[in-house]
Amino acid sequence: MFEISKKPYDLEERTFQFTRDVAMCCKKLPRNTSNIEYSKQVIRSSGSIGANYIEANESLSKKDFIMRIKISRKEAKESAYWLRLLIETNEITDLKSEAQKLGGEAIELKKIFSAILTK
């Protein structure tokens, strides 16, 4: 369902670009009750991915690092959920394609954070 593509290796930059792209995609959606609410949710969760990753990199303990990475992973999974809802509840084809790419990136980020936790 979601497309996977090549992205920058710098995870802070990658999460920033993801959040920016989500916000730009949401701006293009028709303004209705569900789109407004789903957009708010996905913008919050996508922004939280990068913010918590930055916090993890600045953590003072291994325990704090692990907790922040787990939050980033959880927020990536949540972002994929909200993007899927936006895809399923909108008819606009070009936005669906854009949202599918973003959903693929959310899944990819979740996998990256899972890999970080296993190492």
N, C-alpha and C. Protein backbone atom coordinates (compact mmCIF):
# COMPACT_ATOMS: atom_id res chain seq x y z
N MET A 1 0.82 -1.20 0.00
CA MET A 1 0.00 0.00 0.00
C MET A 1 0.86 1.26 0.00
N PHE A 2 1.87 1.31 0.89
CA PHE A 2 2.74 2.48 0.97
C PHE A 2 3.98 2.26 0.12
N GLU A 3 4.48 3.33 -0.50
CA GLU A 3 5.69 3.25 -1.31
C GLU A 3 6.90 3.54 -0.44
N ILE A 4 7.99 2.82 -0.70
CA ILE A 4 9.26 3.02 0.01
C ILE A 4 10.23 3.67 -0.97
N SER A 5 10.94 4.71 -0.54
CA SER A 5 11.89 5.37 -1.43
C SER A 5 13.21 5.64 -0.70
N LYS A 6 14.23 6.02 -1.45
CA LYS A 6 15.54 6.36 -0.89
C LYS A 6 15.47 7.73 -0.23
N LYS A 7 15.99 7.84 0.98
CA LYS A 7 15.97 9.10 1.72
C LYS A 7 17.36 9.38 2.28
N PRO A 8 17.58 10.60 2.77
CA PRO A 8 18.89 10.95 3.35
C PRO A 8 19.25 10.06 4.54
N TYR A 9 20.55 9.85 4.72
CA TYR A 9 21.03 9.02 5.83
C TYR A 9 20.90 9.75 7.17
N ASP A 10 21.09 11.07 7.20
CA ASP A 10 21.00 11.86 8.42
C ASP A 10 19.56 11.79 8.94
N LEU A 11 19.37 11.07 10.04
CA LEU A 11 18.02 10.81 10.54
C LEU A 11 17.34 12.08 11.07
N GLU A 12 18.10 13.00 11.64
CA GLU A 12 17.48 14.26 12.08
C GLU A 12 16.92 15.02 10.88
N GLU A 13 17.68 15.09 9.79
CA GLU A 13 17.22 15.78 8.59
C GLU A 13 16.06 15.01 7.95
N ARG A 14 16.17 13.70 7.94
CA ARG A 14 15.11 12.88 7.34
C ARG A 14 13.79 13.04 8.06
N THR A 15 13.83 13.06 9.40
CA THR A 15 12.59 13.23 10.16
C THR A 15 12.04 14.64 9.98
N PHE A 16 12.93 15.63 9.85
CA PHE A 16 12.48 17.00 9.59
C PHE A 16 11.76 17.08 8.25
N GLN A 17 12.38 16.51 7.21
CA GLN A 17 11.78 16.53 5.88
C GLN A 17 10.43 15.81 5.87
N PHE A 18 10.35 14.71 6.62
CA PHE A 18 9.09 13.98 6.70
C PHE A 18 8.00 14.85 7.31
N THR A 19 8.30 15.50 8.42
CA THR A 19 7.32 16.37 9.08
C THR A 19 6.90 17.52 8.17
N ARG A 20 7.87 18.13 7.50
CA ARG A 20 7.57 19.21 6.56
C ARG A 20 6.66 18.73 5.43
N ASP A 21 7.00 17.56 4.87
CA ASP A 21 6.21 17.02 3.76
C ASP A 21 4.79 16.67 4.19
N VAL A 22 4.65 16.16 5.41
CA VAL A 22 3.31 15.86 5.93
C VAL A 22 2.50 17.14 6.04
N ALA A 23 3.09 18.18 6.60
CA ALA A 23 2.39 19.46 6.76
C ALA A 23 1.98 20.03 5.40
N MET A 24 2.88 19.95 4.43
CA MET A 24 2.58 20.48 3.09
C MET A 24 1.46 19.68 2.42
N CYS A 25 1.46 18.38 2.61
CA CYS A 25 0.40 17.53 2.05
C CYS A 25 -0.95 17.87 2.70
N CYS A 26 -0.96 18.04 4.00
CA CYS A 26 -2.20 18.35 4.72
C CYS A 26 -2.79 19.69 4.29
N LYS A 27 -1.92 20.64 3.93
CA LYS A 27 -2.40 21.95 3.49
C LYS A 27 -3.21 21.86 2.19
N LYS A 28 -2.95 20.81 1.40
CA LYS A 28 -3.61 20.65 0.10
C LYS A 28 -4.96 19.94 0.20
N LEU A 29 -5.26 19.37 1.35
CA LEU A 29 -6.50 18.61 1.51
C LEU A 29 -7.72 19.53 1.56
N PRO A 30 -8.85 19.04 1.09
CA PRO A 30 -10.09 19.81 1.23
C PRO A 30 -10.40 20.02 2.71
N ARG A 31 -10.92 21.18 3.03
CA ARG A 31 -11.23 21.48 4.44
C ARG A 31 -12.60 20.93 4.79
N ASN A 32 -12.59 19.82 5.51
CA ASN A 32 -13.81 19.27 6.08
C ASN A 32 -13.47 18.75 7.47
N THR A 33 -14.46 18.39 8.22
CA THR A 33 -14.25 18.02 9.62
C THR A 33 -13.23 16.91 9.80
N SER A 34 -13.38 15.83 9.05
CA SER A 34 -12.45 14.71 9.24
C SER A 34 -11.03 15.07 8.80
N ASN A 35 -10.88 15.75 7.67
CA ASN A 35 -9.54 16.13 7.22
C ASN A 35 -8.85 17.06 8.20
N ILE A 36 -9.59 17.98 8.77
CA ILE A 36 -9.00 18.90 9.74
C ILE A 36 -8.50 18.14 10.96
N GLU A 37 -9.32 17.24 11.49
CA GLU A 37 -8.93 16.47 12.68
C GLU A 37 -7.79 15.50 12.39
N TYR A 38 -7.88 14.76 11.28
CA TYR A 38 -6.83 13.81 10.94
C TYR A 38 -5.52 14.54 10.64
N SER A 39 -5.62 15.70 10.00
CA SER A 39 -4.41 16.48 9.70
C SER A 39 -3.73 16.95 10.98
N LYS A 40 -4.52 17.42 11.94
CA LYS A 40 -3.95 17.83 13.22
C LYS A 40 -3.20 16.68 13.87
N GLN A 41 -3.81 15.51 13.85
CA GLN A 41 -3.21 14.34 14.48
C GLN A 41 -1.90 13.93 13.80
N VAL A 42 -1.92 13.87 12.46
CA VAL A 42 -0.72 13.42 11.74
C VAL A 42 0.39 14.46 11.82
N ILE A 43 0.04 15.72 11.85
CA ILE A 43 1.07 16.76 12.00
C ILE A 43 1.72 16.66 13.37
N ARG A 44 0.92 16.42 14.40
CA ARG A 44 1.48 16.26 15.75
C ARG A 44 2.39 15.03 15.84
N SER A 45 1.87 13.90 15.37
CA SER A 45 2.65 12.66 15.51
C SER A 45 3.91 12.69 14.64
N SER A 46 3.83 13.25 13.44
CA SER A 46 5.02 13.30 12.58
C SER A 46 6.08 14.23 13.18
N GLY A 47 5.66 15.33 13.76
CA GLY A 47 6.61 16.25 14.40
C GLY A 47 7.26 15.63 15.62
N SER A 48 6.52 14.81 16.30
CA SER A 48 7.03 14.16 17.51
C SER A 48 8.12 13.14 17.20
N ILE A 49 8.11 12.58 16.00
CA ILE A 49 9.13 11.60 15.63
C ILE A 49 10.51 12.25 15.72
N GLY A 50 10.68 13.35 15.00
CA GLY A 50 11.98 14.03 14.97
C GLY A 50 12.34 14.67 16.29
N ALA A 51 11.36 15.26 16.95
CA ALA A 51 11.63 15.92 18.24
C ALA A 51 12.16 14.91 19.26
N ASN A 52 11.55 13.73 19.30
CA ASN A 52 12.01 12.72 20.25
C ASN A 52 13.34 12.10 19.83
N TYR A 53 13.59 12.02 18.54
CA TYR A 53 14.90 11.54 18.09
C TYR A 53 16.00 12.51 18.50
N ILE A 54 15.75 13.80 18.35
CA ILE A 54 16.73 14.81 18.79
C ILE A 54 16.96 14.68 20.30
N GLU A 55 15.88 14.51 21.04
CA GLU A 55 15.99 14.33 22.49
C GLU A 55 16.81 13.07 22.82
N ALA A 56 16.60 12.01 22.06
CA ALA A 56 17.36 10.77 22.29
C ALA A 56 18.85 11.01 22.10
N ASN A 57 19.20 11.77 21.07
CA ASN A 57 20.61 12.06 20.81
C ASN A 57 21.25 12.92 21.89
N GLU A 58 20.44 13.64 22.63
CA GLU A 58 20.94 14.49 23.70
C GLU A 58 20.74 13.87 25.08
N SER A 59 20.30 12.62 25.11
CA SER A 59 19.98 11.98 26.39
C SER A 59 21.22 11.81 27.25
N LEU A 60 20.98 11.80 28.56
CA LEU A 60 22.07 11.67 29.52
C LEU A 60 22.28 10.23 29.98
N SER A 61 21.33 9.37 29.66
CA SER A 61 21.46 7.97 30.06
C SER A 61 20.97 7.05 28.95
N LYS A 62 21.39 5.81 29.01
CA LYS A 62 20.95 4.82 28.03
C LYS A 62 19.45 4.58 28.15
N LYS A 63 18.95 4.59 29.39
CA LYS A 63 17.53 4.37 29.63
C LYS A 63 16.69 5.47 28.96
N ASP A 64 17.13 6.72 29.10
CA ASP A 64 16.42 7.85 28.48
C ASP A 64 16.49 7.73 26.96
N PHE A 65 17.66 7.35 26.43
CA PHE A 65 17.82 7.17 24.98
C PHE A 65 16.82 6.15 24.46
N ILE A 66 16.75 5.00 25.11
CA ILE A 66 15.84 3.93 24.69
C ILE A 66 14.39 4.39 24.74
N MET A 67 14.01 5.10 25.81
CA MET A 67 12.64 5.58 25.93
C MET A 67 12.29 6.53 24.78
N ARG A 68 13.18 7.45 24.45
CA ARG A 68 12.92 8.43 23.37
C ARG A 68 12.84 7.75 22.01
N ILE A 69 13.68 6.75 21.78
CA ILE A 69 13.64 6.02 20.51
C ILE A 69 12.32 5.24 20.42
N LYS A 70 11.89 4.66 21.53
CA LYS A 70 10.60 3.96 21.54
C LYS A 70 9.45 4.91 21.24
N ILE A 71 9.52 6.13 21.76
CA ILE A 71 8.48 7.13 21.49
C ILE A 71 8.51 7.50 20.00
N SER A 72 9.70 7.69 19.45
CA SER A 72 9.82 8.01 18.02
C SER A 72 9.21 6.89 17.18
N ARG A 73 9.49 5.65 17.55
CA ARG A 73 8.93 4.51 16.82
C ARG A 73 7.41 4.50 16.91
N LYS A 74 6.89 4.73 18.11
CA LYS A 74 5.44 4.75 18.32
C LYS A 74 4.79 5.87 17.50
N GLU A 75 5.41 7.03 17.47
CA GLU A 75 4.86 8.16 16.72
C GLU A 75 4.92 7.91 15.21
N ALA A 76 5.94 7.21 14.75
CA ALA A 76 6.02 6.86 13.32
C ALA A 76 4.87 5.92 12.95
N LYS A 77 4.61 4.96 13.83
CA LYS A 77 3.50 4.03 13.59
C LYS A 77 2.17 4.78 13.60
N GLU A 78 2.02 5.71 14.53
CA GLU A 78 0.79 6.51 14.60
C GLU A 78 0.64 7.39 13.36
N SER A 79 1.73 7.96 12.88
CA SER A 79 1.68 8.79 11.68
C SER A 79 1.19 7.97 10.49
N ALA A 80 1.67 6.74 10.36
CA ALA A 80 1.23 5.86 9.27
C ALA A 80 -0.28 5.62 9.37
N TYR A 81 -0.78 5.46 10.59
CA TYR A 81 -2.21 5.24 10.81
C TYR A 81 -3.02 6.43 10.31
N TRP A 82 -2.64 7.64 10.74
CA TRP A 82 -3.39 8.84 10.35
C TRP A 82 -3.30 9.09 8.84
N LEU A 83 -2.13 8.82 8.26
CA LEU A 83 -2.00 8.97 6.81
C LEU A 83 -2.90 7.99 6.08
N ARG A 84 -2.98 6.78 6.59
CA ARG A 84 -3.87 5.78 5.98
C ARG A 84 -5.32 6.25 6.04
N LEU A 85 -5.72 6.81 7.17
CA LEU A 85 -7.08 7.35 7.28
C LEU A 85 -7.33 8.46 6.27
N LEU A 86 -6.34 9.34 6.10
CA LEU A 86 -6.49 10.42 5.12
C LEU A 86 -6.61 9.85 3.71
N ILE A 87 -5.84 8.83 3.41
CA ILE A 87 -5.90 8.19 2.09
C ILE A 87 -7.28 7.57 1.87
N GLU A 88 -7.74 6.83 2.86
CA GLU A 88 -8.99 6.08 2.72
C GLU A 88 -10.23 6.97 2.70
N THR A 89 -10.12 8.19 3.21
CA THR A 89 -11.31 9.05 3.30
C THR A 89 -11.30 10.20 2.30
N ASN A 90 -10.35 10.18 1.36
CA ASN A 90 -10.28 11.24 0.34
C ASN A 90 -10.23 10.63 -1.05
N GLU A 91 -10.85 11.32 -1.99
CA GLU A 91 -10.95 10.84 -3.37
C GLU A 91 -9.84 11.39 -4.28
N ILE A 92 -9.09 12.36 -3.84
CA ILE A 92 -8.15 13.08 -4.70
C ILE A 92 -6.94 12.20 -5.01
N THR A 93 -6.79 11.82 -6.27
CA THR A 93 -5.78 10.86 -6.70
C THR A 93 -4.35 11.34 -6.48
N ASP A 94 -4.03 12.59 -6.87
CA ASP A 94 -2.65 13.06 -6.73
C ASP A 94 -2.25 13.18 -5.26
N LEU A 95 -3.17 13.53 -4.40
CA LEU A 95 -2.87 13.59 -2.97
C LEU A 95 -2.74 12.19 -2.37
N LYS A 96 -3.51 11.24 -2.90
CA LYS A 96 -3.39 9.87 -2.41
C LYS A 96 -1.99 9.34 -2.68
N SER A 97 -1.47 9.62 -3.85
CA SER A 97 -0.12 9.18 -4.21
C SER A 97 0.91 9.80 -3.27
N GLU A 98 0.77 11.09 -3.00
CA GLU A 98 1.68 11.78 -2.10
C GLU A 98 1.57 11.21 -0.68
N ALA A 99 0.34 11.00 -0.22
CA ALA A 99 0.13 10.45 1.12
C ALA A 99 0.63 9.01 1.22
N GLN A 100 0.53 8.24 0.14
CA GLN A 100 1.06 6.87 0.15
C GLN A 100 2.58 6.87 0.29
N LYS A 101 3.25 7.80 -0.39
CA LYS A 101 4.70 7.92 -0.24
C LYS A 101 5.06 8.28 1.20
N LEU A 102 4.29 9.20 1.77
CA LEU A 102 4.54 9.60 3.16
C LEU A 102 4.28 8.43 4.12
N GLY A 103 3.23 7.66 3.84
CA GLY A 103 2.96 6.48 4.66
C GLY A 103 4.10 5.47 4.58
N GLY A 104 4.66 5.31 3.39
CA GLY A 104 5.81 4.43 3.22
C GLY A 104 7.00 4.92 4.02
N GLU A 105 7.19 6.23 4.03
CA GLU A 105 8.29 6.81 4.82
C GLU A 105 8.05 6.61 6.31
N ALA A 106 6.82 6.75 6.77
CA ALA A 106 6.51 6.52 8.19
C ALA A 106 6.85 5.08 8.58
N ILE A 107 6.50 4.12 7.72
CA ILE A 107 6.81 2.71 7.99
C ILE A 107 8.32 2.50 8.01
N GLU A 108 9.01 3.13 7.06
CA GLU A 108 10.47 3.02 6.99
C GLU A 108 11.12 3.58 8.26
N LEU A 109 10.63 4.74 8.72
CA LEU A 109 11.16 5.33 9.96
C LEU A 109 10.91 4.41 11.15
N LYS A 110 9.74 3.80 11.21
CA LYS A 110 9.44 2.86 12.29
C LYS A 110 10.44 1.70 12.29
N LYS A 111 10.74 1.20 11.12
CA LYS A 111 11.70 0.10 11.00
C LYS A 111 13.10 0.53 11.43
N ILE A 112 13.48 1.75 11.08
CA ILE A 112 14.80 2.27 11.48
C ILE A 112 14.88 2.35 13.00
N PHE A 113 13.84 2.90 13.63
CA PHE A 113 13.86 3.01 15.09
C PHE A 113 13.83 1.63 15.76
N SER A 114 13.15 0.69 15.17
CA SER A 114 13.14 -0.69 15.69
C SER A 114 14.55 -1.27 15.61
N ALA A 115 15.23 -1.02 14.49
CA ALA A 115 16.60 -1.53 14.33
C ALA A 115 17.55 -0.89 15.35
N ILE A 116 17.38 0.41 15.61
CA ILE A 116 18.20 1.09 16.61
C ILE A 116 18.02 0.44 17.97
N LEU A 117 16.77 0.09 18.30
CA LEU A 117 16.48 -0.52 19.61
C LEU A 117 17.09 -1.91 19.76
N THR A 118 17.26 -2.62 18.65
CA THR A 118 17.79 -3.99 18.76
C THR A 118 19.32 -3.99 18.84
N LYS A 119 19.95 -2.85 18.60
CA LYS A 119 21.43 -2.78 18.64
C LYS A 119 21.94 -2.17 19.90
